Amino acid sequence: MISALRLGGRLADPGEFTLRALRQCKLNLSQAEAIRDLINSQTEAAARQAVRQMRGELSFGFSPLKEGLLGLIVVLESAIELVEDDLPQLQKEQIAESLNNLFVICKVLLDL
């Protein structure tokens, strides 16, 4: 290592490798924050939670929520553009059911 420093190399700054991984999309922001949380964890439970977050459990958990919301946005935007009539009752029920399902996903994510 001393030879590398003599040749112009430098020691990495704290968090530099995490920042590089984030910039290169090797990690998402949630995972980068989890690395910080793991370093700063003072209990075993906090360390376990940080490791779960680093594995992307939270990000993967949000994926169905995001997809469901995008699907609802498409339906609602098309209904706004076609303002001839109100939404059919069946479509209203499907939207309500989708919202209830997304609410359940949110509750599960809160328990992670």
Foldseek 3Di string as FASTA:
>chain_A
DVVCVVVPDDDDDVLRVVVVCCVVVVFDPQLSVLVVQCVVDDDPVSNVVSVCSNVPVLVVLCVVLVVLVVVLVVVVVVCVVVVPDHDDPVVVVVSVVSVVVSVVSVVVSVVD
